[in-house]
């Protein structure tokens, strides 16, 4: 309907709202389905050979375009990757790894208004791949960090309408990282930004 050149500006604006609301509802439904599968033990991890470096470049390009769409051109997004891994293929579930990255980066874009967002990964001493998403956003109050990964929990901010969400993304991301054999943690200071870390086992393809 939005491609109909004869519709008025008012109707096009209403269609835009319907479209955005539908996308938000779809995300919510998918999150609830994933949460139910995880709780019931039905969510299967399906590893396959993946180039993490290539995945991060593709993710970087997507979020650069997203920031332009959201008029956040003043935020610099950067990739840091471990030279030891290079373009080596590792066994990982690409769908679930990308889901975690998208959840963390979506939050970083939402809560950052100036500065930078860094995404990267490195090989740790105990054969784990550690990923991180760092931002210079509004940060999280210290008293809310302990419950941040709980289901339906969100950090409280002044403008709740502006920062609305499902409260499931971080819970699902932590559960997915644990299902893949890793974990997720966060460091944050209110007003100075946040860094989310998560790990997966290093299994060469």
C-alpha atoms as a PDB file:
ATOM      1  CA  UNK A   1       0.000   0.000   0.000  1.00  0.00           C
ATOM      2  CA  UNK A   2       2.901   2.361   0.709  1.00  0.00           C
ATOM      3  CA  UNK A   3       3.951   2.043  -2.936  1.00  0.00           C
ATOM      4  CA  UNK A   4       0.631   3.513  -4.074  1.00  0.00           C
ATOM      5  CA  UNK A   5       1.586   6.918  -5.471  1.00  0.00           C
ATOM      6  CA  UNK A   6      -1.929   8.323  -5.082  1.00  0.00           C
ATOM      7  CA  UNK A   7      -2.213   8.053  -1.299  1.00  0.00           C
ATOM      8  CA  UNK A   8      -2.128  11.198   0.826  1.00  0.00           C
ATOM      9  CA  UNK A   9       0.741  12.046   3.194  1.00  0.00           C
ATOM     10  CA  UNK A  10      -1.540  11.423   6.175  1.00  0.00           C
ATOM     11  CA  UNK A  11      -2.422   7.905   4.987  1.00  0.00           C
ATOM     12  CA  UNK A  12       1.250   7.131   4.254  1.00  0.00           C
ATOM     13  CA  UNK A  13       2.184   8.240   7.770  1.00  0.00           C
ATOM     14  CA  UNK A  14      -0.488   5.936   9.241  1.00  0.00           C
ATOM     15  CA  UNK A  15       0.795   3.039   7.107  1.00  0.00           C
ATOM     16  CA  UNK A  16       4.322   3.722   8.356  1.00  0.00           C
ATOM     17  CA  UNK A  17       3.110   3.516  11.961  1.00  0.00           C
ATOM     18  CA  UNK A  18       1.269   0.252  11.198  1.00  0.00           C
ATOM     19  CA  UNK A  19       4.426  -1.164   9.603  1.00  0.00           C
ATOM     20  CA  UNK A  20       6.679  -0.229  12.530  1.00  0.00           C
ATOM     21  CA  UNK A  21       4.152  -1.555  15.039  1.00  0.00           C
ATOM     22  CA  UNK A  22       3.898  -4.833  13.124  1.00  0.00           C
ATOM     23  CA  UNK A  23       7.690  -5.216  13.141  1.00  0.00           C
ATOM     24  CA  UNK A  24       7.750  -4.568  16.886  1.00  0.00           C
ATOM     25  CA  UNK A  25       4.984  -7.156  17.437  1.00  0.00           C
ATOM     26  CA  UNK A  26       6.873  -9.723  15.331  1.00  0.00           C
ATOM     27  CA  UNK A  27      10.016  -9.225  17.432  1.00  0.00           C
ATOM     28  CA  UNK A  28       7.975  -9.636  20.612  1.00  0.00           C
ATOM     29  CA  UNK A  29       6.334 -12.848  19.351  1.00  0.00           C
ATOM     30  CA  UNK A  30       9.671 -14.323  18.259  1.00  0.00           C
ATOM     31  CA  UNK A  31      11.224 -13.453  21.635  1.00  0.00           C
ATOM     32  CA  UNK A  32       8.355 -15.098  23.530  1.00  0.00           C
ATOM     33  CA  UNK A  33       8.604 -18.223  21.335  1.00  0.00           C
ATOM     34  CA  UNK A  34      12.376 -18.426  21.891  1.00  0.00           C
ATOM     35  CA  UNK A  35      11.896 -17.940  25.637  1.00  0.00           C
ATOM     36  CA  UNK A  36       9.318 -20.751  25.704  1.00  0.00           C
ATOM     37  CA  UNK A  37      11.602 -23.085  23.704  1.00  0.00           C
ATOM     38  CA  UNK A  38      14.557 -22.364  26.013  1.00  0.00           C
ATOM     39  CA  UNK A  39      12.466 -22.969  29.148  1.00  0.00           C
ATOM     40  CA  UNK A  40      11.076 -26.230  27.744  1.00  0.00           C
ATOM     41  CA  UNK A  41      14.505 -27.396  26.561  1.00  0.00           C
ATOM     42  CA  UNK A  42      13.374 -27.524  22.929  1.00  0.00           C
ATOM     43  CA  UNK A  43      15.739 -24.914  21.474  1.00  0.00           C
ATOM     44  CA  UNK A  44      18.472 -26.811  19.635  1.00  0.00           C
ATOM     45  CA  UNK A  45      21.905 -25.379  18.864  1.00  0.00           C
ATOM     46  CA  UNK A  46      23.001 -26.290  15.321  1.00  0.00           C
ATOM     47  CA  UNK A  47      26.748 -25.671  14.827  1.00  0.00           C
ATOM     48  CA  UNK A  48      28.229 -25.318  11.362  1.00  0.00           C
ATOM     49  CA  UNK A  49      31.473 -23.875   9.921  1.00  0.00           C
ATOM     50  CA  UNK A  50      31.329 -20.076  10.203  1.00  0.00           C
ATOM     51  CA  UNK A  51      33.753 -17.225   9.516  1.00  0.00           C
ATOM     52  CA  UNK A  52      33.211 -14.985  12.530  1.00  0.00           C
ATOM     53  CA  UNK A  53      35.208 -12.200  10.900  1.00  0.00           C
ATOM     54  CA  UNK A  54      32.884 -12.166   7.887  1.00  0.00           C
ATOM     55  CA  UNK A  55      29.813 -12.293  10.136  1.00  0.00           C
ATOM     56  CA  UNK A  56      31.008  -9.261  12.080  1.00  0.00           C
ATOM     57  CA  UNK A  57      31.686  -7.314   8.867  1.00  0.00           C
ATOM     58  CA  UNK A  58      28.165  -8.081   7.621  1.00  0.00           C
ATOM     59  CA  UNK A  59      26.720  -7.067  11.001  1.00  0.00           C
ATOM     60  CA  UNK A  60      28.785  -3.869  10.960  1.00  0.00           C
ATOM     61  CA  UNK A  61      27.431  -2.885   7.536  1.00  0.00           C
ATOM     62  CA  UNK A  62      23.828  -3.542   8.641  1.00  0.00           C
ATOM     63  CA  UNK A  63      24.141  -1.389  11.763  1.00  0.00           C
ATOM     64  CA  UNK A  64      25.920   1.420   9.932  1.00  0.00           C
ATOM     65  CA  UNK A  65      22.873   1.634   7.667  1.00  0.00           C
ATOM     66  CA  UNK A  66      20.541   1.402  10.679  1.00  0.00           C
ATOM     67  CA  UNK A  67      22.285   4.326  12.390  1.00  0.00           C
ATOM     68  CA  UNK A  68      21.986   6.408   9.233  1.00  0.00           C
ATOM     69  CA  UNK A  69      18.275   5.561   9.111  1.00  0.00           C
ATOM     70  CA  UNK A  70      17.907   6.612  12.764  1.00  0.00           C
ATOM     71  CA  UNK A  71      19.862   9.830  12.102  1.00  0.00           C
ATOM     72  CA  UNK A  72      22.745   8.826  14.388  1.00  0.00           C
ATOM     73  CA  UNK A  73      25.542   9.751  11.978  1.00  0.00           C
ATOM     74  CA  UNK A  74      27.574  11.191  14.877  1.00  0.00           C
ATOM     75  CA  UNK A  75      28.187   7.709  16.356  1.00  0.00           C
ATOM     76  CA  UNK A  76      31.273   5.856  15.141  1.00  0.00           C
ATOM     77  CA  UNK A  77      30.933   2.055  14.930  1.00  0.00           C
ATOM     78  CA  UNK A  78      34.132   0.024  14.787  1.00  0.00           C
ATOM     79  CA  UNK A  79      35.188  -3.653  14.602  1.00  0.00           C
ATOM     80  CA  UNK A  80      38.106  -5.179  16.510  1.00  0.00           C
ATOM     81  CA  UNK A  81      39.027  -8.792  15.748  1.00  0.00           C
ATOM     82  CA  UNK A  82      41.679 -11.236  16.885  1.00  0.00           C
ATOM     83  CA  UNK A  83      44.423 -11.701  14.278  1.00  0.00           C
ATOM     84  CA  UNK A  84      45.087 -15.210  15.667  1.00  0.00           C
ATOM     85  CA  UNK A  85      41.657 -16.299  14.467  1.00  0.00           C
ATOM     86  CA  UNK A  86      41.759 -14.349  11.199  1.00  0.00           C
ATOM     87  CA  UNK A  87      39.386 -15.911   8.679  1.00  0.00           C
ATOM     88  CA  UNK A  88      39.523 -19.385  10.265  1.00  0.00           C
ATOM     89  CA  UNK A  89      36.219 -21.221  10.292  1.00  0.00           C
ATOM     90  CA  UNK A  90      34.813 -22.214  13.679  1.00  0.00           C
ATOM     91  CA  UNK A  91      31.893 -24.448  14.588  1.00  0.00           C
ATOM     92  CA  UNK A  92      29.036 -22.323  15.881  1.00  0.00           C
ATOM     93  CA  UNK A  93      25.301 -21.831  15.312  1.00  0.00           C
ATOM     94  CA  UNK A  94      25.315 -18.797  12.969  1.00  0.00           C
ATOM     95  CA  UNK A  95      21.637 -17.966  13.512  1.00  0.00           C
ATOM     96  CA  UNK A  96      21.948 -17.851  17.305  1.00  0.00           C
ATOM     97  CA  UNK A  97      25.323 -16.077  17.287  1.00  0.00           C
ATOM     98  CA  UNK A  98      23.928 -13.398  15.010  1.00  0.00           C
ATOM     99  CA  UNK A  99      20.821 -13.147  17.218  1.00  0.00           C
ATOM    100  CA  UNK A 100      22.994 -12.347  20.246  1.00  0.00           C
ATOM    101  CA  UNK A 101      25.060  -9.788  18.335  1.00  0.00           C
ATOM    102  CA  UNK A 102      21.933  -8.119  16.934  1.00  0.00           C
ATOM    103  CA  UNK A 103      20.317  -7.932  20.384  1.00  0.00           C
ATOM    104  CA  UNK A 104      23.395  -6.318  21.945  1.00  0.00           C
ATOM    105  CA  UNK A 105      24.040  -3.946  19.060  1.00  0.00           C
ATOM    106  CA  UNK A 106      20.383  -2.911  18.821  1.00  0.00           C
ATOM    107  CA  UNK A 107      20.536  -1.910  22.487  1.00  0.00           C
ATOM    108  CA  UNK A 108      23.818  -0.068  21.938  1.00  0.00           C
ATOM    109  CA  UNK A 109      22.304   1.941  19.074  1.00  0.00           C
ATOM    110  CA  UNK A 110      19.140   2.659  21.090  1.00  0.00           C
ATOM    111  CA  UNK A 111      20.940   3.925  24.191  1.00  0.00           C
ATOM    112  CA  UNK A 112      23.890   5.734  22.560  1.00  0.00           C
ATOM    113  CA  UNK A 113      23.500   9.273  21.258  1.00  0.00           C
ATOM    114  CA  UNK A 114      27.128  10.294  20.719  1.00  0.00           C
ATOM    115  CA  UNK A 115      30.577   8.752  20.809  1.00  0.00           C
ATOM    116  CA  UNK A 116      31.209   5.217  19.605  1.00  0.00           C
ATOM    117  CA  UNK A 117      30.106   1.600  19.518  1.00  0.00           C
ATOM    118  CA  UNK A 118      32.839  -1.048  19.378  1.00  0.00           C
ATOM    119  CA  UNK A 119      32.240  -4.700  18.537  1.00  0.00           C
ATOM    120  CA  UNK A 120      34.974  -7.306  18.634  1.00  0.00           C
ATOM    121  CA  UNK A 121      36.186 -10.716  19.670  1.00  0.00           C
ATOM    122  CA  UNK A 122      39.376 -12.405  20.850  1.00  0.00           C
ATOM    123  CA  UNK A 123      40.620 -15.897  21.695  1.00  0.00           C
ATOM    124  CA  UNK A 124      41.041 -16.361  25.446  1.00  0.00           C
ATOM    125  CA  UNK A 125      43.606 -18.480  27.308  1.00  0.00           C
ATOM    126  CA  UNK A 126      41.048 -21.237  28.024  1.00  0.00           C
ATOM    127  CA  UNK A 127      40.012 -21.815  24.391  1.00  0.00           C
ATOM    128  CA  UNK A 128      36.947 -19.599  24.453  1.00  0.00           C
ATOM    129  CA  UNK A 129      36.064 -16.865  21.985  1.00  0.00           C
ATOM    130  CA  UNK A 130      35.080 -13.734  23.885  1.00  0.00           C
ATOM    131  CA  UNK A 131      32.912 -11.164  22.126  1.00  0.00           C
ATOM    132  CA  UNK A 132      32.213  -7.674  23.368  1.00  0.00           C
ATOM    133  CA  UNK A 133      29.915  -4.787  22.475  1.00  0.00           C
ATOM    134  CA  UNK A 134      31.038  -1.510  24.028  1.00  0.00           C
ATOM    135  CA  UNK A 135      29.210   1.808  23.811  1.00  0.00           C
ATOM    136  CA  UNK A 136      29.371   5.343  25.172  1.00  0.00           C
ATOM    137  CA  UNK A 137      25.647   5.417  25.867  1.00  0.00           C
ATOM    138  CA  UNK A 138      23.605   6.362  28.898  1.00  0.00           C
ATOM    139  CA  UNK A 139      24.833   3.410  30.970  1.00  0.00           C
ATOM    140  CA  UNK A 140      23.038   1.330  33.593  1.00  0.00           C
ATOM    141  CA  UNK A 141      22.660   2.189  37.295  1.00  0.00           C
ATOM    142  CA  UNK A 142      24.765  -0.098  39.503  1.00  0.00           C
ATOM    143  CA  UNK A 143      21.765  -1.252  41.557  1.00  0.00           C
ATOM    144  CA  UNK A 144      20.082  -2.621  38.416  1.00  0.00           C
ATOM    145  CA  UNK A 145      22.968  -4.719  37.094  1.00  0.00           C
ATOM    146  CA  UNK A 146      22.130  -7.790  39.192  1.00  0.00           C
ATOM    147  CA  UNK A 147      18.682  -8.185  37.625  1.00  0.00           C
ATOM    148  CA  UNK A 148      19.494  -6.950  34.110  1.00  0.00           C
ATOM    149  CA  UNK A 149      19.453 -10.442  32.574  1.00  0.00           C
ATOM    150  CA  UNK A 150      16.226 -11.495  34.298  1.00  0.00           C
ATOM    151  CA  UNK A 151      13.169 -12.166  32.179  1.00  0.00           C
ATOM    152  CA  UNK A 152      11.018  -9.095  31.384  1.00  0.00           C
ATOM    153  CA  UNK A 153      13.509  -6.811  33.178  1.00  0.00           C
ATOM    154  CA  UNK A 154      14.795  -3.541  31.750  1.00  0.00           C
ATOM    155  CA  UNK A 155      17.025  -0.880  33.211  1.00  0.00           C
ATOM    156  CA  UNK A 156      14.950   2.082  34.329  1.00  0.00           C
ATOM    157  CA  UNK A 157      15.564   5.306  32.412  1.00  0.00           C
ATOM    158  CA  UNK A 158      13.826   8.644  32.539  1.00  0.00           C
ATOM    159  CA  UNK A 159      12.021   8.385  29.200  1.00  0.00           C
ATOM    160  CA  UNK A 160      10.401   4.935  29.289  1.00  0.00           C
ATOM    161  CA  UNK A 161       8.440   5.559  26.105  1.00  0.00           C
ATOM    162  CA  UNK A 162      11.588   6.499  24.177  1.00  0.00           C
ATOM    163  CA  UNK A 163      13.464   3.421  25.412  1.00  0.00           C
ATOM    164  CA  UNK A 164      10.638   0.885  25.251  1.00  0.00           C
ATOM    165  CA  UNK A 165      11.374  -2.790  24.599  1.00  0.00           C
ATOM    166  CA  UNK A 166      10.250  -6.330  25.421  1.00  0.00           C
ATOM    167  CA  UNK A 167      12.629  -6.944  28.328  1.00  0.00           C
ATOM    168  CA  UNK A 168      13.462 -10.358  26.831  1.00  0.00           C
ATOM    169  CA  UNK A 169      16.418  -9.664  24.531  1.00  0.00           C
ATOM    170  CA  UNK A 170      19.182  -9.778  27.164  1.00  0.00           C
ATOM    171  CA  UNK A 171      17.658 -12.769  28.956  1.00  0.00           C
ATOM    172  CA  UNK A 172      17.462 -14.715  25.685  1.00  0.00           C
ATOM    173  CA  UNK A 173      20.990 -13.655  24.670  1.00  0.00           C
ATOM    174  CA  UNK A 174      22.478 -14.856  27.960  1.00  0.00           C
ATOM    175  CA  UNK A 175      20.566 -18.140  27.711  1.00  0.00           C
ATOM    176  CA  UNK A 176      21.745 -18.650  24.124  1.00  0.00           C
ATOM    177  CA  UNK A 177      25.370 -18.040  25.058  1.00  0.00           C
ATOM    178  CA  UNK A 178      25.024 -20.577  27.898  1.00  0.00           C
ATOM    179  CA  UNK A 179      23.363 -23.119  25.594  1.00  0.00           C
ATOM    180  CA  UNK A 180      26.360 -22.776  23.276  1.00  0.00           C
ATOM    181  CA  UNK A 181      28.720 -23.457  26.194  1.00  0.00           C
ATOM    182  CA  UNK A 182      29.588 -19.897  27.233  1.00  0.00           C
ATOM    183  CA  UNK A 183      28.138 -17.087  29.322  1.00  0.00           C
ATOM    184  CA  UNK A 184      27.359 -13.353  29.293  1.00  0.00           C
ATOM    185  CA  UNK A 185      28.371 -10.529  31.645  1.00  0.00           C
ATOM    186  CA  UNK A 186      28.163  -6.731  31.678  1.00  0.00           C
ATOM    187  CA  UNK A 187      30.142  -3.778  32.996  1.00  0.00           C
ATOM    188  CA  UNK A 188      28.454  -0.396  33.038  1.00  0.00           C
ATOM    189  CA  UNK A 189      28.592   3.041  34.603  1.00  0.00           C
ATOM    190  CA  UNK A 190      25.576   5.315  34.527  1.00  0.00           C
ATOM    191  CA  UNK A 191      26.186   8.207  32.153  1.00  0.00           C
ATOM    192  CA  UNK A 192      29.389   6.700  30.735  1.00  0.00           C
ATOM    193  CA  UNK A 193      28.337   3.641  28.754  1.00  0.00           C
ATOM    194  CA  UNK A 194      28.234  -0.138  28.900  1.00  0.00           C
ATOM    195  CA  UNK A 195      30.245  -3.134  27.741  1.00  0.00           C
ATOM    196  CA  UNK A 196      28.590  -6.507  27.282  1.00  0.00           C
ATOM    197  CA  UNK A 197      30.774  -9.612  27.077  1.00  0.00           C
ATOM    198  CA  UNK A 198      29.791 -13.108  26.010  1.00  0.00           C
ATOM    199  CA  UNK A 199      31.732 -16.267  25.273  1.00  0.00           C
ATOM    200  CA  UNK A 200      31.432 -19.391  23.140  1.00  0.00           C
ATOM    201  CA  UNK A 201      33.824 -22.365  22.968  1.00  0.00           C
ATOM    202  CA  UNK A 202      36.550 -22.191  20.323  1.00  0.00           C
ATOM    203  CA  UNK A 203      35.954 -25.258  18.129  1.00  0.00           C
ATOM    204  CA  UNK A 204      37.923 -25.111  14.851  1.00  0.00           C
ATOM    205  CA  UNK A 205      35.953 -26.368  11.854  1.00  0.00           C
END
